Amino acid sequence: MSTQLLRAVNIMVSRDGIGAGENQRLDQPFGDGLDPAVLFSWAGATASWPNRTEPGGSRGLDDYFTRDWNRNIGAEIMGRNKFTPYRGPWEDHPEWQGWWGDEPPFRTPVFVMTHHLRPPLTLSDTTFHFIDADPATVLSRAREAAQGKDVRLGGGVTTIREFLEADLVDTLHVAVSPVEAGHGIRLWDSPEDLLDRFHLDVVPSPSGVTHHLFWRR
């Protein structure tokens, strides 16, 4: 194992393993049938939630995982559908610069996997690089950019599955919400699907989510 870990951190799915709905679009970033407010409610209630506008918030287990999102991270990898709801050539949507406004939360190089290349985009202290390559090549680029720190695998669930299938993920944290989505884009049929390659600890939280912690055998 590389000393630079590939860590999938704070991945959020429903009880039936679904992390995104179908028909993603501008007014439905997570697609139909899945309410992101439900998936994110545990993190949004914590004291360390970066978008918190009022003092307070919970401490404890959920707050620890919220803080852990950025620990020792030197680069991020994400799929195109995490960066944009649009499909096809970038020229069709020349103004689009991501969901996060002028100051994205990443503050590292970000590698966006896409079949449609475009020049790097820098917003504040985050630079997005658009790369058409297999997971191993993308990870190699991200590790070089991370300068010795870990690489975060940010999602969505299709991208996470690609890296799992390529056997490149070192640790995985999934927060499972107590809701059924019914249909959508699935991370797994069951967390036990990964036990051939990973150890697993399951830790319930008072907030109602259950944290699943995977690390390589």
N, C-alpha and C. Protein backbone atom coordinates (compact mmCIF):
# COMPACT_ATOMS: atom_id res chain seq x y z
N MET A 1 0.84 -1.20 0.00
CA MET A 1 0.00 0.00 0.00
C MET A 1 0.87 1.25 0.00
N SER A 2 0.49 2.20 -0.82
CA SER A 2 1.21 3.47 -0.83
C SER A 2 1.04 4.17 0.51
N THR A 3 2.06 4.93 0.89
CA THR A 3 1.91 5.73 2.10
C THR A 3 0.91 6.87 1.90
N GLN A 4 0.62 7.21 0.64
CA GLN A 4 -0.44 8.15 0.32
C GLN A 4 -1.72 7.36 0.12
N LEU A 5 -2.65 7.49 1.02
CA LEU A 5 -3.88 6.72 0.94
C LEU A 5 -4.86 7.37 -0.03
N LEU A 6 -5.66 6.54 -0.69
CA LEU A 6 -6.84 7.01 -1.40
C LEU A 6 -8.03 6.78 -0.48
N ARG A 7 -8.62 7.86 -0.01
CA ARG A 7 -9.65 7.80 1.01
C ARG A 7 -10.97 8.33 0.45
N ALA A 8 -11.99 7.50 0.48
CA ALA A 8 -13.35 7.97 0.19
C ALA A 8 -13.98 8.35 1.53
N VAL A 9 -14.31 9.62 1.70
CA VAL A 9 -14.64 10.18 3.01
C VAL A 9 -16.06 10.76 2.98
N ASN A 10 -16.85 10.42 4.00
CA ASN A 10 -18.18 11.00 4.18
C ASN A 10 -19.06 10.79 2.94
N ILE A 11 -19.02 9.59 2.41
CA ILE A 11 -19.92 9.23 1.31
C ILE A 11 -21.29 8.92 1.93
N MET A 12 -22.34 9.47 1.36
CA MET A 12 -23.66 9.38 1.99
C MET A 12 -24.63 8.62 1.09
N VAL A 13 -25.25 7.59 1.65
CA VAL A 13 -26.20 6.78 0.90
C VAL A 13 -27.43 6.51 1.76
N SER A 14 -28.49 6.08 1.08
CA SER A 14 -29.70 5.66 1.78
C SER A 14 -29.50 4.26 2.36
N ARG A 15 -30.47 3.81 3.14
CA ARG A 15 -30.37 2.48 3.76
C ARG A 15 -30.28 1.38 2.70
N ASP A 16 -30.85 1.61 1.52
CA ASP A 16 -30.76 0.61 0.46
C ASP A 16 -29.60 0.89 -0.50
N GLY A 17 -28.62 1.68 -0.06
CA GLY A 17 -27.35 1.79 -0.77
C GLY A 17 -27.31 2.75 -1.93
N ILE A 18 -28.28 3.66 -2.01
CA ILE A 18 -28.38 4.57 -3.15
C ILE A 18 -27.83 5.93 -2.77
N GLY A 19 -26.92 6.46 -3.61
CA GLY A 19 -26.27 7.72 -3.31
C GLY A 19 -26.67 8.86 -4.21
N ALA A 20 -27.45 8.57 -5.26
CA ALA A 20 -27.93 9.62 -6.17
C ALA A 20 -29.16 9.10 -6.88
N GLY A 21 -30.08 10.02 -7.18
CA GLY A 21 -31.25 9.66 -7.95
C GLY A 21 -30.97 9.72 -9.45
N GLU A 22 -31.95 9.38 -10.22
CA GLU A 22 -31.83 9.43 -11.68
C GLU A 22 -32.26 10.81 -12.18
N ASN A 23 -31.85 11.12 -13.42
CA ASN A 23 -32.26 12.36 -14.08
C ASN A 23 -31.71 13.59 -13.36
N GLN A 24 -30.40 13.57 -13.06
CA GLN A 24 -29.75 14.73 -12.45
C GLN A 24 -29.87 15.93 -13.38
N ARG A 25 -30.14 17.10 -12.79
CA ARG A 25 -30.25 18.34 -13.56
C ARG A 25 -30.01 19.51 -12.64
N LEU A 26 -30.01 20.72 -13.20
CA LEU A 26 -29.63 21.90 -12.44
C LEU A 26 -30.49 22.09 -11.21
N ASP A 27 -31.80 21.89 -11.32
CA ASP A 27 -32.68 22.11 -10.17
C ASP A 27 -32.82 20.88 -9.29
N GLN A 28 -32.19 19.77 -9.67
CA GLN A 28 -32.17 18.56 -8.85
C GLN A 28 -30.76 17.96 -8.91
N PRO A 29 -29.81 18.55 -8.15
CA PRO A 29 -28.42 18.10 -8.25
C PRO A 29 -28.21 16.62 -7.93
N PHE A 30 -29.09 16.05 -7.09
CA PHE A 30 -28.97 14.64 -6.74
C PHE A 30 -29.95 13.77 -7.51
N GLY A 31 -30.65 14.34 -8.49
CA GLY A 31 -31.60 13.58 -9.27
C GLY A 31 -32.92 13.41 -8.55
N ASP A 32 -33.82 12.67 -9.19
CA ASP A 32 -35.17 12.48 -8.65
C ASP A 32 -35.19 11.42 -7.55
N GLY A 33 -36.06 11.64 -6.58
CA GLY A 33 -36.36 10.60 -5.59
C GLY A 33 -35.41 10.53 -4.42
N LEU A 34 -34.43 11.41 -4.33
CA LEU A 34 -33.48 11.38 -3.22
C LEU A 34 -33.27 12.80 -2.72
N ASP A 35 -33.63 13.05 -1.48
CA ASP A 35 -33.53 14.39 -0.91
C ASP A 35 -32.15 14.56 -0.27
N PRO A 36 -31.28 15.41 -0.84
CA PRO A 36 -29.95 15.57 -0.25
C PRO A 36 -29.99 16.11 1.16
N ALA A 37 -31.03 16.88 1.50
CA ALA A 37 -31.12 17.40 2.86
C ALA A 37 -31.22 16.28 3.88
N VAL A 38 -31.85 15.18 3.48
CA VAL A 38 -31.95 14.02 4.39
C VAL A 38 -30.59 13.35 4.54
N LEU A 39 -29.89 13.15 3.42
CA LEU A 39 -28.59 12.49 3.48
C LEU A 39 -27.57 13.32 4.25
N PHE A 40 -27.63 14.65 4.12
CA PHE A 40 -26.62 15.53 4.71
C PHE A 40 -27.00 16.03 6.10
N SER A 41 -28.18 15.71 6.58
CA SER A 41 -28.66 16.33 7.82
C SER A 41 -27.74 16.04 9.01
N TRP A 42 -27.17 14.84 9.08
CA TRP A 42 -26.30 14.51 10.21
C TRP A 42 -25.07 15.41 10.24
N ALA A 43 -24.47 15.67 9.05
CA ALA A 43 -23.28 16.51 8.98
C ALA A 43 -23.63 17.98 9.18
N GLY A 44 -24.76 18.40 8.59
CA GLY A 44 -25.17 19.80 8.71
C GLY A 44 -25.49 20.22 10.13
N ALA A 45 -25.79 19.25 10.98
CA ALA A 45 -26.11 19.57 12.37
C ALA A 45 -24.89 19.71 13.26
N THR A 46 -23.70 19.42 12.73
CA THR A 46 -22.51 19.41 13.57
C THR A 46 -21.90 20.80 13.72
N ALA A 47 -21.10 20.95 14.75
CA ALA A 47 -20.42 22.23 14.99
C ALA A 47 -19.39 22.53 13.91
N SER A 48 -18.86 21.51 13.26
CA SER A 48 -17.79 21.70 12.29
C SER A 48 -18.29 21.79 10.84
N TRP A 49 -19.59 21.77 10.63
CA TRP A 49 -20.12 21.87 9.27
C TRP A 49 -19.66 23.19 8.66
N PRO A 50 -18.94 23.16 7.52
CA PRO A 50 -18.31 24.38 7.01
C PRO A 50 -19.31 25.46 6.57
N ASN A 51 -20.54 25.07 6.25
CA ASN A 51 -21.53 26.06 5.82
C ASN A 51 -22.38 26.60 6.97
N ARG A 52 -22.00 26.28 8.19
CA ARG A 52 -22.78 26.74 9.34
C ARG A 52 -22.71 28.27 9.45
N THR A 53 -23.87 28.90 9.59
CA THR A 53 -23.93 30.36 9.69
C THR A 53 -24.27 30.83 11.10
N GLU A 54 -24.63 29.90 11.98
CA GLU A 54 -24.97 30.25 13.36
C GLU A 54 -24.10 29.44 14.30
N PRO A 55 -23.81 29.97 15.48
CA PRO A 55 -23.01 29.20 16.45
C PRO A 55 -23.78 27.98 16.94
N GLY A 56 -23.03 27.08 17.54
CA GLY A 56 -23.66 25.87 18.08
C GLY A 56 -23.33 24.67 17.23
N GLY A 57 -24.23 23.70 17.21
CA GLY A 57 -24.01 22.46 16.49
C GLY A 57 -23.54 21.36 17.41
N SER A 58 -23.73 20.14 16.98
CA SER A 58 -23.42 18.99 17.81
C SER A 58 -21.93 18.68 17.79
N ARG A 59 -21.48 18.08 18.87
CA ARG A 59 -20.13 17.52 18.95
C ARG A 59 -20.26 16.00 18.97
N GLY A 60 -19.14 15.32 19.15
CA GLY A 60 -19.20 13.87 19.22
C GLY A 60 -18.87 13.21 17.90
N LEU A 61 -19.44 12.02 17.69
CA LEU A 61 -19.06 11.16 16.57
C LEU A 61 -19.27 11.82 15.22
N ASP A 62 -20.46 12.36 14.97
CA ASP A 62 -20.74 12.97 13.67
C ASP A 62 -19.82 14.16 13.41
N ASP A 63 -19.54 14.93 14.44
CA ASP A 63 -18.66 16.08 14.28
C ASP A 63 -17.24 15.62 13.95
N TYR A 64 -16.81 14.53 14.53
CA TYR A 64 -15.49 14.00 14.20
C TYR A 64 -15.39 13.68 12.72
N PHE A 65 -16.39 13.01 12.17
CA PHE A 65 -16.34 12.66 10.75
C PHE A 65 -16.44 13.89 9.86
N THR A 66 -17.19 14.89 10.29
CA THR A 66 -17.25 16.13 9.51
C THR A 66 -15.88 16.78 9.45
N ARG A 67 -15.16 16.81 10.56
CA ARG A 67 -13.82 17.38 10.58
C ARG A 67 -12.83 16.52 9.80
N ASP A 68 -13.03 15.21 9.81
CA ASP A 68 -12.09 14.28 9.18
C ASP A 68 -12.08 14.42 7.66
N TRP A 69 -13.11 15.04 7.09
CA TRP A 69 -13.21 15.18 5.63
C TRP A 69 -11.96 15.82 5.04
N ASN A 70 -11.37 16.76 5.74
CA ASN A 70 -10.25 17.52 5.17
C ASN A 70 -8.90 17.16 5.78
N ARG A 71 -8.84 16.16 6.62
CA ARG A 71 -7.60 15.82 7.32
C ARG A 71 -6.57 15.24 6.35
N ASN A 72 -5.40 15.89 6.26
CA ASN A 72 -4.26 15.42 5.49
C ASN A 72 -4.61 15.14 4.03
N ILE A 73 -5.46 15.96 3.45
CA ILE A 73 -5.84 15.78 2.05
C ILE A 73 -5.05 16.76 1.19
N GLY A 74 -4.42 16.22 0.13
CA GLY A 74 -3.64 17.06 -0.77
C GLY A 74 -4.21 17.18 -2.15
N ALA A 75 -5.22 16.37 -2.50
CA ALA A 75 -5.87 16.44 -3.81
C ALA A 75 -7.18 15.68 -3.72
N GLU A 76 -8.08 15.98 -4.64
CA GLU A 76 -9.38 15.28 -4.71
C GLU A 76 -9.58 14.76 -6.12
N ILE A 77 -10.28 13.61 -6.20
CA ILE A 77 -10.76 13.06 -7.46
C ILE A 77 -12.27 13.03 -7.42
N MET A 78 -12.91 13.48 -8.50
CA MET A 78 -14.37 13.39 -8.58
C MET A 78 -14.78 13.06 -10.00
N GLY A 79 -15.98 12.52 -10.14
CA GLY A 79 -16.56 12.30 -11.45
C GLY A 79 -17.14 13.60 -12.00
N ARG A 80 -17.34 13.63 -13.30
CA ARG A 80 -17.89 14.83 -13.93
C ARG A 80 -19.25 15.18 -13.35
N ASN A 81 -20.07 14.19 -13.03
CA ASN A 81 -21.42 14.48 -12.57
C ASN A 81 -21.46 15.04 -11.16
N LYS A 82 -20.33 15.01 -10.44
CA LYS A 82 -20.25 15.76 -9.19
C LYS A 82 -19.94 17.23 -9.48
N PHE A 83 -19.21 17.49 -10.55
CA PHE A 83 -18.85 18.86 -10.89
C PHE A 83 -19.99 19.60 -11.59
N THR A 84 -20.77 18.90 -12.39
CA THR A 84 -21.78 19.57 -13.21
C THR A 84 -22.97 18.65 -13.48
N PRO A 85 -24.17 19.21 -13.64
CA PRO A 85 -25.31 18.39 -14.06
C PRO A 85 -25.38 18.22 -15.56
N TYR A 86 -24.53 18.93 -16.31
CA TYR A 86 -24.64 18.96 -17.76
C TYR A 86 -23.86 17.82 -18.39
N ARG A 87 -24.31 17.36 -19.55
CA ARG A 87 -23.65 16.31 -20.29
C ARG A 87 -23.13 16.88 -21.60
N GLY A 88 -22.24 16.17 -22.25
CA GLY A 88 -21.78 16.59 -23.56
C GLY A 88 -20.66 17.61 -23.50
N PRO A 89 -20.35 18.22 -24.63
CA PRO A 89 -19.22 19.16 -24.72
C PRO A 89 -19.40 20.36 -23.81
N TRP A 90 -18.28 20.83 -23.25
CA TRP A 90 -18.33 21.99 -22.37
C TRP A 90 -18.78 23.25 -23.10
N GLU A 91 -18.56 23.29 -24.40
CA GLU A 91 -18.92 24.48 -25.16
C GLU A 91 -20.42 24.77 -25.09
N ASP A 92 -21.22 23.73 -24.77
CA ASP A 92 -22.66 23.93 -24.65
C ASP A 92 -23.02 24.70 -23.38
N HIS A 93 -22.11 24.74 -22.42
CA HIS A 93 -22.38 25.42 -21.14
C HIS A 93 -21.11 26.16 -20.71
N PRO A 94 -20.70 27.17 -21.46
CA PRO A 94 -19.39 27.79 -21.23
C PRO A 94 -19.27 28.53 -19.91
N GLU A 95 -20.38 28.89 -19.29
CA GLU A 95 -20.32 29.66 -18.05
C GLU A 95 -20.19 28.78 -16.81
N TRP A 96 -20.38 27.47 -16.96
CA TRP A 96 -20.44 26.61 -15.77
C TRP A 96 -19.07 26.45 -15.13
N GLN A 97 -18.99 26.72 -13.80
CA GLN A 97 -17.73 26.61 -13.07
C GLN A 97 -17.88 25.78 -11.80
N GLY A 98 -18.85 24.88 -11.77
CA GLY A 98 -19.05 24.04 -10.60
C GLY A 98 -20.17 24.57 -9.73
N TRP A 99 -20.53 23.77 -8.73
CA TRP A 99 -21.64 24.09 -7.84
C TRP A 99 -21.27 25.06 -6.72
N TRP A 100 -20.00 25.37 -6.53
CA TRP A 100 -19.54 25.88 -5.25
C TRP A 100 -19.25 27.37 -5.23
N GLY A 101 -19.50 28.07 -6.32
CA GLY A 101 -19.25 29.51 -6.33
C GLY A 101 -17.78 29.84 -6.50
N ASP A 102 -17.42 31.05 -6.09
CA ASP A 102 -16.06 31.55 -6.32
C ASP A 102 -15.03 30.97 -5.36
N GLU A 103 -15.48 30.35 -4.26
CA GLU A 103 -14.55 29.78 -3.28
C GLU A 103 -14.93 28.34 -2.97
N PRO A 104 -14.57 27.39 -3.83
CA PRO A 104 -14.88 25.99 -3.57
C PRO A 104 -14.24 25.52 -2.27
N PRO A 105 -14.81 24.51 -1.63
CA PRO A 105 -14.31 24.08 -0.32
C PRO A 105 -13.07 23.21 -0.36
N PHE A 106 -12.58 22.85 -1.54
CA PHE A 106 -11.55 21.82 -1.63
C PHE A 106 -10.16 22.33 -1.26
N ARG A 107 -9.78 23.50 -1.78
CA ARG A 107 -8.51 24.14 -1.45
C ARG A 107 -7.31 23.26 -1.78
N THR A 108 -7.47 22.44 -2.80
CA THR A 108 -6.41 21.56 -3.30
C THR A 108 -6.62 21.43 -4.80
N PRO A 109 -5.69 20.81 -5.51
CA PRO A 109 -6.00 20.40 -6.88
C PRO A 109 -7.15 19.38 -6.87
N VAL A 110 -8.05 19.49 -7.84
CA VAL A 110 -9.17 18.57 -8.01
C VAL A 110 -9.11 18.00 -9.42
N PHE A 111 -9.20 16.68 -9.53
CA PHE A 111 -9.14 16.02 -10.82
C PHE A 111 -10.53 15.51 -11.18
N VAL A 112 -11.11 16.11 -12.21
CA VAL A 112 -12.47 15.80 -12.64
C VAL A 112 -12.37 14.82 -13.82
N MET A 113 -12.93 13.63 -13.66
CA MET A 113 -12.88 12.62 -14.70
C MET A 113 -13.99 12.89 -15.72
N THR A 114 -13.60 13.06 -16.97
CA THR A 114 -14.55 13.40 -18.02
C THR A 114 -13.99 12.99 -19.37
N HIS A 115 -14.87 12.66 -20.30
CA HIS A 115 -14.45 12.38 -21.67
C HIS A 115 -14.35 13.65 -22.50
N HIS A 116 -14.75 14.77 -21.93
CA HIS A 116 -14.72 16.05 -22.64
C HIS A 116 -13.71 16.96 -21.94
N LEU A 117 -12.55 17.13 -22.55
CA LEU A 117 -11.47 17.88 -21.91
C LEU A 117 -11.71 19.38 -22.03
N ARG A 118 -11.13 20.12 -21.11
CA ARG A 118 -11.15 21.58 -21.13
C ARG A 118 -9.93 22.07 -20.36
N PRO A 119 -9.50 23.32 -20.51
CA PRO A 119 -8.36 23.81 -19.76
C PRO A 119 -8.63 23.82 -18.26
N PRO A 120 -7.57 23.77 -17.44
CA PRO A 120 -7.77 23.86 -15.99
C PRO A 120 -8.52 25.13 -15.61
N LEU A 121 -9.27 25.03 -14.53
CA LEU A 121 -10.07 26.14 -14.02
C LEU A 121 -9.65 26.41 -12.58
N THR A 122 -9.20 27.64 -12.28
CA THR A 122 -8.78 28.00 -10.93
C THR A 122 -9.78 28.98 -10.34
N LEU A 123 -10.31 28.63 -9.19
CA LEU A 123 -11.20 29.48 -8.42
C LEU A 123 -10.65 29.57 -7.01
N SER A 124 -10.27 30.76 -6.57
CA SER A 124 -9.66 30.95 -5.26
C SER A 124 -8.43 30.04 -5.16
N ASP A 125 -8.38 29.17 -4.15
CA ASP A 125 -7.23 28.30 -3.97
C ASP A 125 -7.49 26.86 -4.41
N THR A 126 -8.44 26.67 -5.31
CA THR A 126 -8.75 25.36 -5.88
C THR A 126 -8.56 25.41 -7.39
N THR A 127 -7.82 24.44 -7.94
CA THR A 127 -7.69 24.31 -9.39
C THR A 127 -8.30 22.98 -9.81
N PHE A 128 -9.25 23.05 -10.74
CA PHE A 128 -9.89 21.86 -11.30
C PHE A 128 -9.15 21.47 -12.58
N HIS A 129 -8.71 20.20 -12.63
CA HIS A 129 -8.07 19.65 -13.82
C HIS A 129 -9.03 18.62 -14.42
N PHE A 130 -9.25 18.68 -15.70
CA PHE A 130 -10.21 17.82 -16.38
C PHE A 130 -9.43 16.76 -17.15
N ILE A 131 -9.66 15.50 -16.81
CA ILE A 131 -8.77 14.44 -17.27
C ILE A 131 -9.60 13.26 -17.79
N ASP A 132 -9.21 12.77 -18.94
CA ASP A 132 -9.85 11.60 -19.56
C ASP A 132 -8.86 10.45 -19.48
N ALA A 133 -9.00 9.63 -18.46
CA ALA A 133 -8.04 8.54 -18.24
C ALA A 133 -8.68 7.49 -17.34
N ASP A 134 -8.03 6.34 -17.24
CA ASP A 134 -8.51 5.27 -16.38
C ASP A 134 -8.22 5.62 -14.92
N PRO A 135 -8.90 4.95 -13.96
CA PRO A 135 -8.72 5.30 -12.55
C PRO A 135 -7.27 5.28 -12.07
N ALA A 136 -6.48 4.29 -12.50
CA ALA A 136 -5.09 4.21 -12.02
C ALA A 136 -4.29 5.42 -12.48
N THR A 137 -4.50 5.86 -13.71
CA THR A 137 -3.77 7.02 -14.22
C THR A 137 -4.19 8.29 -13.50
N VAL A 138 -5.49 8.43 -13.29
CA VAL A 138 -5.99 9.61 -12.56
C VAL A 138 -5.42 9.64 -11.15
N LEU A 139 -5.39 8.50 -10.49
CA LEU A 139 -4.85 8.44 -9.13
C LEU A 139 -3.37 8.80 -9.12
N SER A 140 -2.62 8.35 -10.12
CA SER A 140 -1.20 8.68 -10.18
C SER A 140 -1.01 10.20 -10.31
N ARG A 141 -1.81 10.84 -11.14
CA ARG A 141 -1.73 12.29 -11.29
C ARG A 141 -2.09 12.99 -9.98
N ALA A 142 -3.13 12.50 -9.33
CA ALA A 142 -3.57 13.14 -8.09
C ALA A 142 -2.54 12.97 -6.98
N ARG A 143 -1.92 11.81 -6.89
CA ARG A 143 -0.91 11.58 -5.86
C ARG A 143 0.29 12.51 -6.07
N GLU A 144 0.68 12.71 -7.31
CA GLU A 144 1.78 13.63 -7.58
C GLU A 144 1.42 15.04 -7.14
N ALA A 145 0.20 15.46 -7.44
CA ALA A 145 -0.23 16.81 -7.06
C ALA A 145 -0.39 16.96 -5.56
N ALA A 146 -0.69 15.86 -4.86
CA ALA A 146 -0.94 15.92 -3.42
C ALA A 146 0.32 16.11 -2.59
N GLN A 147 1.48 15.92 -3.19
CA GLN A 147 2.77 16.19 -2.54
C GLN A 147 2.90 15.49 -1.19
N GLY A 148 2.63 14.20 -1.20
CA GLY A 148 2.83 13.40 -0.01
C GLY A 148 1.61 13.23 0.87
N LYS A 149 0.61 14.06 0.69
CA LYS A 149 -0.62 13.92 1.47
C LYS A 149 -1.55 12.89 0.81
N ASP A 150 -2.64 12.57 1.50
CA ASP A 150 -3.60 11.61 0.97
C ASP A 150 -4.43 12.24 -0.15
N VAL A 151 -5.06 11.37 -0.94
CA VAL A 151 -5.98 11.79 -1.99
C VAL A 151 -7.39 11.41 -1.56
N ARG A 152 -8.31 12.35 -1.68
CA ARG A 152 -9.71 12.09 -1.33
C ARG A 152 -10.49 11.72 -2.59
N LEU A 153 -11.24 10.63 -2.52
CA LEU A 153 -12.14 10.22 -3.59
C LEU A 153 -13.52 10.76 -3.25
N GLY A 154 -13.94 11.79 -3.97
CA GLY A 154 -15.12 12.53 -3.56
C GLY A 154 -16.44 12.04 -4.09
N GLY A 155 -16.45 11.16 -5.08
CA GLY A 155 -17.71 10.70 -5.64
C GLY A 155 -17.94 11.25 -7.02
N GLY A 156 -19.15 11.06 -7.57
CA GLY A 156 -20.28 10.37 -6.97
C GLY A 156 -20.07 8.87 -6.89
N VAL A 157 -21.21 8.19 -6.65
CA VAL A 157 -21.12 6.77 -6.36
C VAL A 157 -20.62 5.97 -7.57
N THR A 158 -20.91 6.41 -8.79
CA THR A 158 -20.42 5.70 -9.97
C THR A 158 -18.89 5.75 -10.01
N THR A 159 -18.32 6.90 -9.71
CA THR A 159 -16.86 7.03 -9.68
C THR A 159 -16.26 6.18 -8.57
N ILE A 160 -16.88 6.17 -7.40
CA ILE A 160 -16.38 5.35 -6.30
C ILE A 160 -16.39 3.88 -6.70
N ARG A 161 -17.45 3.44 -7.36
CA ARG A 161 -17.51 2.04 -7.79
C ARG A 161 -16.40 1.73 -8.78
N GLU A 162 -16.09 2.66 -9.67
CA GLU A 162 -15.00 2.44 -10.64
C GLU A 162 -13.67 2.21 -9.91
N PHE A 163 -13.41 3.00 -8.88
CA PHE A 163 -12.15 2.86 -8.15
C PHE A 163 -12.16 1.61 -7.27
N LEU A 164 -13.30 1.24 -6.73
CA LEU A 164 -13.39 -0.02 -6.00
C LEU A 164 -13.15 -1.21 -6.92
N GLU A 165 -13.74 -1.17 -8.10
CA GLU A 165 -13.57 -2.27 -9.05
C GLU A 165 -12.12 -2.37 -9.51
N ALA A 166 -11.42 -1.24 -9.56
CA ALA A 166 -10.00 -1.24 -9.91
C ALA A 166 -9.11 -1.57 -8.71
N ASP A 167 -9.69 -1.80 -7.55
CA ASP A 167 -8.97 -2.16 -6.32
C ASP A 167 -7.96 -1.10 -5.92
N LEU A 168 -8.38 0.17 -5.96
CA LEU A 168 -7.48 1.28 -5.67
C LEU A 168 -7.82 2.00 -4.37
N VAL A 169 -8.94 1.70 -3.76
CA VAL A 169 -9.38 2.43 -2.57
C VAL A 169 -8.74 1.81 -1.33
N ASP A 170 -8.15 2.66 -0.48
CA ASP A 170 -7.51 2.18 0.74
C ASP A 170 -8.46 2.22 1.93
N THR A 171 -9.21 3.31 2.10
CA THR A 171 -10.20 3.40 3.17
C THR A 171 -11.46 4.02 2.62
N LEU A 172 -12.58 3.65 3.22
CA LEU A 172 -13.89 4.12 2.77
C LEU A 172 -14.77 4.35 3.98
N HIS A 173 -15.34 5.55 4.08
CA HIS A 173 -16.30 5.87 5.12
C HIS A 173 -17.63 6.20 4.47
N VAL A 174 -18.67 5.44 4.82
CA VAL A 174 -19.99 5.64 4.26
C VAL A 174 -20.97 5.89 5.40
N ALA A 175 -21.69 7.00 5.32
CA ALA A 175 -22.73 7.32 6.30
C ALA A 175 -24.07 6.89 5.71
N VAL A 176 -24.69 5.90 6.33
CA VAL A 176 -25.94 5.33 5.82
C VAL A 176 -27.11 5.95 6.58
N SER A 177 -27.97 6.65 5.84
CA SER A 177 -29.13 7.30 6.45
C SER A 177 -30.29 6.31 6.57
N PRO A 178 -31.15 6.48 7.57
CA PRO A 178 -32.25 5.53 7.80
C PRO A 178 -33.46 5.81 6.91
N VAL A 179 -33.23 5.98 5.62
CA VAL A 179 -34.32 6.21 4.67
C VAL A 179 -34.14 5.25 3.49
N GLU A 180 -35.24 4.88 2.86
CA GLU A 180 -35.21 4.04 1.68
C GLU A 180 -35.43 4.91 0.45
N ALA A 181 -34.52 4.82 -0.52
CA ALA A 181 -34.68 5.58 -1.76
C ALA A 181 -35.51 4.81 -2.79
N GLY A 182 -35.35 3.49 -2.81
CA GLY A 182 -36.14 2.67 -3.72
C GLY A 182 -35.49 2.46 -5.07
N HIS A 183 -35.03 3.54 -5.70
CA HIS A 183 -34.36 3.41 -6.99
C HIS A 183 -33.40 4.58 -7.15
N GLY A 184 -32.41 4.38 -8.02
CA GLY A 184 -31.40 5.40 -8.24
C GLY A 184 -30.06 4.75 -8.51
N ILE A 185 -28.98 5.51 -8.30
CA ILE A 185 -27.63 5.03 -8.57
C ILE A 185 -27.07 4.44 -7.28
N ARG A 186 -26.73 3.18 -7.35
CA ARG A 186 -26.45 2.39 -6.14
C ARG A 186 -24.95 2.25 -5.91
N LEU A 187 -24.53 2.47 -4.67
CA LEU A 187 -23.13 2.20 -4.30
C LEU A 187 -22.92 0.71 -4.11
N TRP A 188 -23.88 0.05 -3.46
CA TRP A 188 -23.77 -1.39 -3.20
C TRP A 188 -25.16 -1.99 -3.03
N ASP A 189 -25.24 -3.29 -3.15
CA ASP A 189 -26.45 -4.01 -2.75
C ASP A 189 -26.44 -4.21 -1.24
N SER A 190 -25.25 -4.45 -0.70
CA SER A 190 -25.06 -4.61 0.74
C SER A 190 -23.62 -4.26 1.07
N PRO A 191 -23.35 -3.66 2.24
CA PRO A 191 -21.95 -3.39 2.61
C PRO A 191 -21.11 -4.65 2.68
N GLU A 192 -21.74 -5.79 2.88
CA GLU A 192 -21.00 -7.04 2.93
C GLU A 192 -20.37 -7.38 1.58
N ASP A 193 -20.81 -6.70 0.51
CA ASP A 193 -20.22 -6.93 -0.81
C ASP A 193 -18.71 -6.67 -0.81
N LEU A 194 -18.23 -5.82 0.10
CA LEU A 194 -16.83 -5.40 0.09
C LEU A 194 -15.96 -6.19 1.06
N LEU A 195 -16.52 -7.14 1.77
CA LEU A 195 -15.77 -7.80 2.84
C LEU A 195 -14.71 -8.78 2.33
N ASP A 196 -14.69 -9.06 1.03
CA ASP A 196 -13.61 -9.89 0.52
C ASP A 196 -12.29 -9.13 0.49
N ARG A 197 -12.36 -7.78 0.51
CA ARG A 197 -11.15 -6.96 0.42
C ARG A 197 -10.94 -6.03 1.61
N PHE A 198 -11.99 -5.81 2.40
CA PHE A 198 -11.92 -4.81 3.46
C PHE A 198 -12.37 -5.38 4.80
N HIS A 199 -11.77 -4.87 5.86
CA HIS A 199 -12.35 -4.98 7.18
C HIS A 199 -13.49 -3.97 7.28
N LEU A 200 -14.41 -4.21 8.21
CA LEU A 200 -15.55 -3.30 8.36
C LEU A 200 -15.91 -3.15 9.84
N ASP A 201 -16.02 -1.89 10.27
CA ASP A 201 -16.64 -1.56 11.55
C ASP A 201 -17.91 -0.77 11.27
N VAL A 202 -18.97 -1.08 11.98
CA VAL A 202 -20.25 -0.40 11.83
C VAL A 202 -20.56 0.31 13.14
N VAL A 203 -20.72 1.64 13.08
CA VAL A 203 -20.86 2.44 14.29
C VAL A 203 -22.14 3.28 14.19
N PRO A 204 -23.17 2.96 14.95
CA PRO A 204 -24.38 3.78 14.91
C PRO A 204 -24.17 5.11 15.63
N SER A 205 -24.85 6.13 15.14
CA SER A 205 -24.76 7.47 15.74
C SER A 205 -26.11 7.86 16.34
N PRO A 206 -26.10 8.66 17.39
CA PRO A 206 -27.37 9.15 17.95
C PRO A 206 -28.21 9.94 16.94
N SER A 207 -27.57 10.46 15.88
CA SER A 207 -28.31 11.23 14.88
C SER A 207 -29.21 10.35 14.02
N GLY A 208 -29.01 9.04 14.06
CA GLY A 208 -29.80 8.13 13.24
C GLY A 208 -29.04 7.53 12.09
N VAL A 209 -27.91 8.13 11.68
CA VAL A 209 -27.10 7.52 10.62
C VAL A 209 -26.23 6.43 11.23
N THR A 210 -25.78 5.54 10.37
CA THR A 210 -24.85 4.48 10.77
C THR A 210 -23.59 4.63 9.94
N HIS A 211 -22.47 4.80 10.62
CA HIS A 211 -21.19 4.99 9.93
C HIS A 211 -20.56 3.63 9.66
N HIS A 212 -20.22 3.41 8.39
CA HIS A 212 -19.54 2.19 7.96
C HIS A 212 -18.10 2.54 7.61
N LEU A 213 -17.16 1.92 8.30
CA LEU A 213 -15.74 2.21 8.14
C LEU A 213 -15.03 1.00 7.56
N PHE A 214 -14.48 1.14 6.37
CA PHE A 214 -13.79 0.07 5.67
C PHE A 214 -12.29 0.40 5.58
N TRP A 215 -11.47 -0.59 5.78
CA TRP A 215 -10.05 -0.44 5.51
C TRP A 215 -9.51 -1.78 5.00
N ARG A 216 -8.45 -1.69 4.20
CA ARG A 216 -7.96 -2.85 3.47
C ARG A 216 -7.55 -3.99 4.40
N ARG A 217 -7.83 -5.20 3.96
CA ARG A 217 -7.35 -6.37 4.69
C ARG A 217 -5.84 -6.54 4.48
